[in-house]
Amino acid sequence: MNKIKKFFNLLIIPQDKANHFIYGSVIFLIGNFVYLSSQHGLLLTLFFALGKEMYDAVDHKPDWKDVLWTMLGAGVACLSALTGFYW
């Protein structure tokens, strides 16, 4: 029973990471829509993700996992845009 509980706890995404995923998707879609290029959308998302962590380094402790989750959101949006699914 304990192993099943541990497995399901791995599936729970913390609220902060989920927010980074959503914002990464939105920033990518804005960059992709404005510049009509997936590369620009990914670069814009990376710029904001790294900028946010540099801002966090001033007041808080930066977390590289936040950049990862932001870029994962951009990656999912990029895959959907490349396959022809436009939001």
C-alpha atoms as a PDB file:
ATOM      1  CA  MET A   1       0.000   0.000   0.000  1.00  0.00           C
ATOM      2  CA  ASN A   2       2.847   2.372   0.820  1.00  0.00           C
ATOM      3  CA  LYS A   3       4.429   1.906  -2.628  1.00  0.00           C
ATOM      4  CA  ILE A   4       1.191   2.841  -4.363  1.00  0.00           C
ATOM      5  CA  LYS A   5       0.908   5.980  -2.259  1.00  0.00           C
ATOM      6  CA  LYS A   6       4.494   6.967  -3.134  1.00  0.00           C
ATOM      7  CA  PHE A   7       3.777   6.406  -6.838  1.00  0.00           C
ATOM      8  CA  PHE A   8       0.741   8.693  -6.805  1.00  0.00           C
ATOM      9  CA  ASN A   9       2.650  11.334  -4.860  1.00  0.00           C
ATOM     10  CA  LEU A  10       5.134  11.462  -7.759  1.00  0.00           C
ATOM     11  CA  LEU A  11       2.286  12.455 -10.089  1.00  0.00           C
ATOM     12  CA  ILE A  12       1.407  15.559  -8.083  1.00  0.00           C
ATOM     13  CA  ILE A  13       2.873  18.712  -9.624  1.00  0.00           C
ATOM     14  CA  PRO A  14       3.549  21.570  -7.170  1.00  0.00           C
ATOM     15  CA  GLN A  15       1.564  24.766  -7.847  1.00  0.00           C
ATOM     16  CA  ASP A  16       4.723  26.801  -8.568  1.00  0.00           C
ATOM     17  CA  LYS A  17       5.906  24.359 -11.234  1.00  0.00           C
ATOM     18  CA  ALA A  18       2.445  24.183 -12.813  1.00  0.00           C
ATOM     19  CA  ASN A  19       2.410  27.992 -13.026  1.00  0.00           C
ATOM     20  CA  HIS A  20       5.787  27.978 -14.758  1.00  0.00           C
ATOM     21  CA  PHE A  21       4.492  25.387 -17.235  1.00  0.00           C
ATOM     22  CA  ILE A  22       1.417  27.473 -18.067  1.00  0.00           C
ATOM     23  CA  TYR A  23       3.353  30.732 -18.365  1.00  0.00           C
ATOM     24  CA  GLY A  24       5.931  29.039 -20.574  1.00  0.00           C
ATOM     25  CA  SER A  25       3.166  27.889 -22.905  1.00  0.00           C
ATOM     26  CA  VAL A  26       1.580  31.335 -23.035  1.00  0.00           C
ATOM     27  CA  ILE A  27       4.869  33.156 -23.635  1.00  0.00           C
ATOM     28  CA  PHE A  28       5.754  30.726 -26.416  1.00  0.00           C
ATOM     29  CA  LEU A  29       2.371  31.205 -28.070  1.00  0.00           C
ATOM     30  CA  ILE A  30       2.757  34.995 -27.918  1.00  0.00           C
ATOM     31  CA  GLY A  31       6.232  34.814 -29.444  1.00  0.00           C
ATOM     32  CA  ASN A  32       5.092  32.333 -32.056  1.00  0.00           C
ATOM     33  CA  PHE A  33       2.068  34.459 -32.975  1.00  0.00           C
ATOM     34  CA  VAL A  34       3.900  37.801 -33.109  1.00  0.00           C
ATOM     35  CA  TYR A  35       7.021  36.639 -34.942  1.00  0.00           C
ATOM     36  CA  LEU A  36       5.424  33.675 -36.779  1.00  0.00           C
ATOM     37  CA  SER A  37       8.367  31.503 -35.814  1.00  0.00           C
ATOM     38  CA  SER A  38       8.729  28.688 -33.304  1.00  0.00           C
ATOM     39  CA  GLN A  39      12.384  29.592 -32.792  1.00  0.00           C
ATOM     40  CA  HIS A  40      11.415  33.108 -31.727  1.00  0.00           C
ATOM     41  CA  GLY A  41       8.799  31.724 -29.374  1.00  0.00           C
ATOM     42  CA  LEU A  42      11.308  29.385 -27.742  1.00  0.00           C
ATOM     43  CA  LEU A  43      13.949  32.109 -27.436  1.00  0.00           C
ATOM     44  CA  LEU A  44      11.435  34.535 -25.947  1.00  0.00           C
ATOM     45  CA  THR A  45      10.378  31.919 -23.404  1.00  0.00           C
ATOM     46  CA  LEU A  46      13.998  31.155 -22.506  1.00  0.00           C
ATOM     47  CA  PHE A  47      14.686  34.875 -22.111  1.00  0.00           C
ATOM     48  CA  PHE A  48      11.787  35.290 -19.677  1.00  0.00           C
ATOM     49  CA  ALA A  49      12.559  32.056 -17.789  1.00  0.00           C
ATOM     50  CA  LEU A  50      16.192  33.022 -17.204  1.00  0.00           C
ATOM     51  CA  GLY A  51      15.230  36.612 -16.427  1.00  0.00           C
ATOM     52  CA  LYS A  52      12.756  35.438 -13.793  1.00  0.00           C
ATOM     53  CA  GLU A  53      15.398  33.308 -12.125  1.00  0.00           C
ATOM     54  CA  MET A  54      17.898  36.173 -12.166  1.00  0.00           C
ATOM     55  CA  TYR A  55      15.230  38.314 -10.510  1.00  0.00           C
ATOM     56  CA  ASP A  56      14.654  35.563  -7.935  1.00  0.00           C
ATOM     57  CA  ALA A  57      18.395  35.504  -7.217  1.00  0.00           C
ATOM     58  CA  VAL A  58      18.088  39.020  -5.799  1.00  0.00           C
ATOM     59  CA  ASP A  59      15.303  38.367  -3.286  1.00  0.00           C
ATOM     60  CA  HIS A  60      14.887  34.613  -3.147  1.00  0.00           C
ATOM     61  CA  LYS A  61      16.729  31.473  -3.944  1.00  0.00           C
ATOM     62  CA  PRO A  62      16.691  30.754  -7.701  1.00  0.00           C
ATOM     63  CA  ASP A  63      15.616  27.292  -8.824  1.00  0.00           C
ATOM     64  CA  TRP A  64      16.803  25.784 -12.097  1.00  0.00           C
ATOM     65  CA  LYS A  65      13.752  23.510 -12.032  1.00  0.00           C
ATOM     66  CA  ASP A  66      11.589  26.583 -12.632  1.00  0.00           C
ATOM     67  CA  VAL A  67      13.429  27.192 -15.909  1.00  0.00           C
ATOM     68  CA  LEU A  68      12.946  23.530 -16.803  1.00  0.00           C
ATOM     69  CA  TRP A  69       9.198  23.633 -16.155  1.00  0.00           C
ATOM     70  CA  THR A  70       8.838  26.897 -18.077  1.00  0.00           C
ATOM     71  CA  MET A  71      10.644  25.423 -21.075  1.00  0.00           C
ATOM     72  CA  LEU A  72       8.595  22.206 -20.824  1.00  0.00           C
ATOM     73  CA  GLY A  73       5.465  24.314 -21.204  1.00  0.00           C
ATOM     74  CA  ALA A  74       6.992  26.035 -24.218  1.00  0.00           C
ATOM     75  CA  GLY A  75       7.994  22.667 -25.649  1.00  0.00           C
ATOM     76  CA  VAL A  76       4.467  21.287 -25.429  1.00  0.00           C
ATOM     77  CA  ALA A  77       3.080  24.437 -27.061  1.00  0.00           C
ATOM     78  CA  CYS A  78       5.799  24.229 -29.733  1.00  0.00           C
ATOM     79  CA  LEU A  79       4.946  20.613 -30.529  1.00  0.00           C
ATOM     80  CA  SER A  80       1.279  21.458 -30.837  1.00  0.00           C
ATOM     81  CA  ALA A  81       2.076  24.425 -33.109  1.00  0.00           C
ATOM     82  CA  LEU A  82       4.387  22.350 -35.303  1.00  0.00           C
ATOM     83  CA  THR A  83       1.761  19.644 -35.741  1.00  0.00           C
ATOM     84  CA  GLY A  84      -0.755  22.194 -36.965  1.00  0.00           C
ATOM     85  CA  PHE A  85      -2.848  22.542 -33.814  1.00  0.00           C
ATOM     86  CA  TYR A  86      -3.288  26.265 -33.249  1.00  0.00           C
ATOM     87  CA  TRP A  87      -4.945  27.451 -30.083  1.00  0.00           C
END
